[in-house]
N, C-alpha and C. Protein backbone atom coordinates (compact mmCIF):
# COMPACT_ATOMS: atom_id res chain seq x y z
N UNK A 1 1.14 -1.12 0.13
CA UNK A 1 -0.17 -0.04 -0.09
C UNK A 1 0.74 1.75 0.06
N UNK A 2 0.39 2.00 -0.68
CA UNK A 2 1.07 3.75 -1.19
C UNK A 2 1.21 4.13 0.30
N UNK A 3 2.33 4.86 1.12
CA UNK A 3 1.79 5.76 2.28
C UNK A 3 3.02 6.54 2.81
N UNK A 4 2.39 8.03 3.39
CA UNK A 4 3.48 9.30 3.29
C UNK A 4 4.78 8.61 3.39
N UNK A 5 5.72 9.45 3.12
CA UNK A 5 7.55 8.64 3.58
C UNK A 5 8.30 10.03 3.25
N UNK A 6 9.18 9.93 4.36
CA UNK A 6 10.23 10.71 4.80
C UNK A 6 12.10 10.31 4.24
N UNK A 7 12.38 11.52 3.22
CA UNK A 7 13.45 10.63 3.32
C UNK A 7 14.30 12.27 4.13
N UNK A 8 15.10 12.04 5.38
CA UNK A 8 16.59 12.63 5.70
C UNK A 8 17.98 12.73 4.68
N UNK A 9 18.37 13.26 4.86
CA UNK A 9 19.89 13.58 4.62
C UNK A 9 20.31 14.22 5.23
N UNK A 10 21.19 13.71 6.15
CA UNK A 10 22.15 14.65 6.46
C UNK A 10 23.72 14.82 5.95
N UNK A 11 24.29 15.86 6.09
CA UNK A 11 25.31 16.04 5.12
C UNK A 11 26.40 17.25 6.03
N UNK A 12 27.30 16.88 7.39
CA UNK A 12 27.83 17.26 8.47
C UNK A 12 28.29 18.28 7.54
N UNK A 13 29.30 18.56 6.84
CA UNK A 13 30.13 19.63 6.22
C UNK A 13 29.00 21.23 5.81
N UNK A 14 28.12 20.56 5.39
CA UNK A 14 26.86 21.34 4.96
C UNK A 14 27.20 21.98 2.94
N UNK A 15 26.61 22.53 2.95
CA UNK A 15 25.68 22.20 0.94
C UNK A 15 25.57 24.30 1.33
N UNK A 16 26.04 24.79 0.44
CA UNK A 16 25.87 26.11 0.60
C UNK A 16 24.67 26.40 -0.96
N UNK A 17 23.80 27.31 -0.62
CA UNK A 17 22.18 27.56 -1.85
C UNK A 17 22.40 29.14 -1.43
N UNK A 18 23.28 30.01 -1.46
CA UNK A 18 23.04 31.07 -1.47
C UNK A 18 22.47 31.86 -1.16
N UNK A 19 21.67 31.51 0.17
CA UNK A 19 20.51 31.36 1.03
C UNK A 19 21.08 32.49 2.97
N UNK A 20 22.41 32.84 2.37
CA UNK A 20 22.90 33.86 3.16
C UNK A 20 22.10 33.13 4.77
N UNK A 21 21.86 33.54 5.76
CA UNK A 21 21.53 33.50 6.92
C UNK A 21 21.35 32.03 7.31
N UNK A 22 20.46 30.99 5.97
CA UNK A 22 19.88 29.54 5.99
C UNK A 22 21.10 28.66 5.61
N UNK A 23 23.20 29.28 4.56
CA UNK A 23 23.99 28.54 4.88
C UNK A 23 24.50 28.08 5.91
N UNK A 24 25.36 27.23 6.18
CA UNK A 24 24.80 26.02 4.98
C UNK A 24 24.01 25.32 5.89
N UNK A 25 23.32 24.25 4.54
CA UNK A 25 22.06 23.36 4.75
C UNK A 25 23.01 22.21 4.77
N UNK A 26 22.84 21.69 6.48
CA UNK A 26 22.70 20.40 7.20
C UNK A 26 22.03 19.60 6.51
N UNK A 27 20.57 20.27 5.97
CA UNK A 27 19.74 18.66 6.70
C UNK A 27 18.99 19.34 5.76
N UNK A 28 18.57 17.83 5.28
CA UNK A 28 17.93 17.62 3.34
C UNK A 28 16.61 17.23 3.90
N UNK A 29 15.33 17.20 3.57
CA UNK A 29 14.38 16.45 3.78
C UNK A 29 13.48 15.90 2.82
N UNK A 30 12.76 15.22 2.77
CA UNK A 30 12.23 14.96 1.14
C UNK A 30 10.84 14.29 1.72
N UNK A 31 9.81 14.32 1.05
CA UNK A 31 8.58 14.00 1.82
C UNK A 31 7.75 14.08 0.70
N UNK A 32 7.16 12.65 0.69
CA UNK A 32 6.49 11.61 -0.61
C UNK A 32 4.92 11.64 0.10
N UNK A 33 4.27 12.93 -0.74
CA UNK A 33 2.90 12.46 -0.27
C UNK A 33 1.80 11.42 -1.06
N UNK A 34 0.69 10.58 -0.40
CA UNK A 34 0.49 9.12 -1.32
C UNK A 34 -1.46 10.35 -2.19
N UNK A 35 -1.37 11.83 -1.66
CA UNK A 35 -2.89 12.31 -1.82
C UNK A 35 -2.31 13.72 -1.53
N UNK A 36 -2.93 14.83 -2.39
CA UNK A 36 -2.58 15.80 -2.17
C UNK A 36 -3.44 16.74 -0.10
N UNK A 37 -3.87 15.76 0.65
CA UNK A 37 -3.74 15.99 2.02
C UNK A 37 -3.17 15.92 3.16
N UNK A 38 -2.71 14.12 2.90
CA UNK A 38 -1.92 13.81 3.54
C UNK A 38 -0.48 13.93 4.54
N UNK A 39 -0.01 14.87 3.81
CA UNK A 39 1.96 15.46 4.02
C UNK A 39 0.85 16.65 4.90
N UNK A 40 0.58 17.28 5.40
CA UNK A 40 -0.11 18.15 5.59
C UNK A 40 0.76 18.48 7.73
N UNK A 41 -0.18 16.95 7.92
CA UNK A 41 0.30 17.09 9.44
C UNK A 41 1.44 16.34 9.19
N UNK A 42 2.66 15.95 8.38
CA UNK A 42 4.12 15.80 8.49
C UNK A 42 4.78 17.31 8.21
N UNK A 43 4.20 17.79 7.24
CA UNK A 43 5.16 18.76 7.19
C UNK A 43 4.78 19.70 8.96
N UNK A 44 3.71 20.48 9.62
CA UNK A 44 3.60 20.76 10.55
C UNK A 44 3.82 20.39 12.04
N UNK A 45 4.61 18.41 12.10
CA UNK A 45 5.25 17.98 12.95
C UNK A 45 7.08 18.58 12.43
N UNK A 46 7.58 18.59 11.14
CA UNK A 46 8.70 19.05 11.01
C UNK A 46 8.58 20.67 11.28
N UNK A 47 8.11 21.83 10.96
CA UNK A 47 7.99 22.73 11.64
C UNK A 47 8.36 22.73 13.10
N UNK A 48 7.78 21.70 14.01
CA UNK A 48 7.90 22.03 15.61
C UNK A 48 8.98 21.42 16.21
N UNK A 49 9.42 20.36 15.32
CA UNK A 49 10.99 19.36 14.59
C UNK A 49 11.56 20.47 14.77
N UNK A 50 11.72 21.35 13.50
CA UNK A 50 12.91 22.45 13.68
C UNK A 50 13.61 23.94 14.04
N UNK A 51 12.12 24.15 14.60
CA UNK A 51 11.83 25.14 16.04
C UNK A 51 12.84 24.65 17.14
N UNK A 52 12.41 23.50 17.35
CA UNK A 52 13.67 22.99 18.58
C UNK A 52 14.74 22.96 18.39
N UNK A 53 15.83 24.02 18.73
CA UNK A 53 16.91 23.88 18.54
C UNK A 53 18.24 22.68 19.15
N UNK A 54 17.09 22.18 20.04
CA UNK A 54 17.88 20.83 21.07
C UNK A 54 17.42 19.58 20.54
N UNK A 55 16.23 20.06 19.50
CA UNK A 55 16.84 17.74 18.49
C UNK A 55 17.35 18.21 17.53
N UNK A 56 17.20 19.74 16.89
CA UNK A 56 17.87 19.66 15.19
C UNK A 56 19.38 19.14 16.02
N UNK A 57 20.16 20.48 17.38
CA UNK A 57 21.40 19.61 17.67
C UNK A 57 21.94 18.10 17.11
N UNK A 58 20.67 17.26 18.02
CA UNK A 58 20.51 16.24 18.39
C UNK A 58 21.27 15.14 17.04
N UNK A 59 19.68 16.15 15.50
CA UNK A 59 20.43 15.44 15.11
C UNK A 59 21.38 15.53 14.68
N UNK A 60 22.18 16.54 14.31
CA UNK A 60 23.29 17.43 13.90
C UNK A 60 23.85 16.20 14.14
N UNK A 61 24.05 15.93 15.83
CA UNK A 61 25.05 15.29 16.01
C UNK A 61 25.21 13.59 16.45
N UNK A 62 24.45 12.88 15.72
CA UNK A 62 23.59 11.62 16.39
C UNK A 62 24.80 11.11 15.78
N UNK A 63 24.93 9.33 16.34
CA UNK A 63 26.12 8.47 16.23
C UNK A 63 25.26 7.72 15.59
N UNK A 64 24.41 7.29 15.27
CA UNK A 64 23.82 6.44 14.68
C UNK A 64 22.42 6.56 13.97
N UNK A 65 21.94 6.19 12.90
CA UNK A 65 20.54 5.57 12.63
C UNK A 65 18.93 6.09 13.74
N UNK A 66 19.44 4.95 14.77
CA UNK A 66 18.00 5.48 15.96
C UNK A 66 18.85 6.23 16.83
N UNK A 67 20.20 7.09 16.71
CA UNK A 67 19.81 7.90 17.12
C UNK A 67 18.39 9.58 16.93
N UNK A 68 18.89 9.21 15.37
CA UNK A 68 18.12 10.45 14.61
C UNK A 68 16.40 10.07 15.10
N UNK A 69 16.14 8.60 14.23
CA UNK A 69 14.86 7.97 14.91
C UNK A 69 14.17 8.02 16.36
N UNK A 70 14.71 8.13 16.90
CA UNK A 70 14.92 8.71 18.74
C UNK A 70 14.40 10.28 18.74
N UNK A 71 14.72 10.93 18.35
CA UNK A 71 14.11 12.29 18.19
C UNK A 71 12.90 12.67 17.44
N UNK A 72 12.80 11.67 15.91
CA UNK A 72 11.88 11.86 14.89
C UNK A 72 11.44 11.86 15.70
N UNK A 73 10.70 10.38 16.86
CA UNK A 73 9.57 9.87 16.76
C UNK A 73 8.71 10.67 17.55
N UNK A 74 9.86 12.06 18.51
CA UNK A 74 9.11 12.27 19.05
C UNK A 74 8.16 13.66 19.17
N UNK A 75 8.00 12.95 17.58
CA UNK A 75 7.26 14.43 16.89
C UNK A 75 5.90 13.61 16.69
């Protein structure tokens, strides 16, 4: 069955997109929705995550995939 999917890519050294205060980008998120509304709650939860500097730092310094998943699971 098709379901909402999310991919997170961590880039420790970062990538510049010429976006001034947002560079370098160290986290890339790809969200794959199955319809026109299923992604709305996921985006809301991602916004809450990205508003929490402590959790973002936990993701950026995570040693394992499980460490990252543990942070994301709180949302």
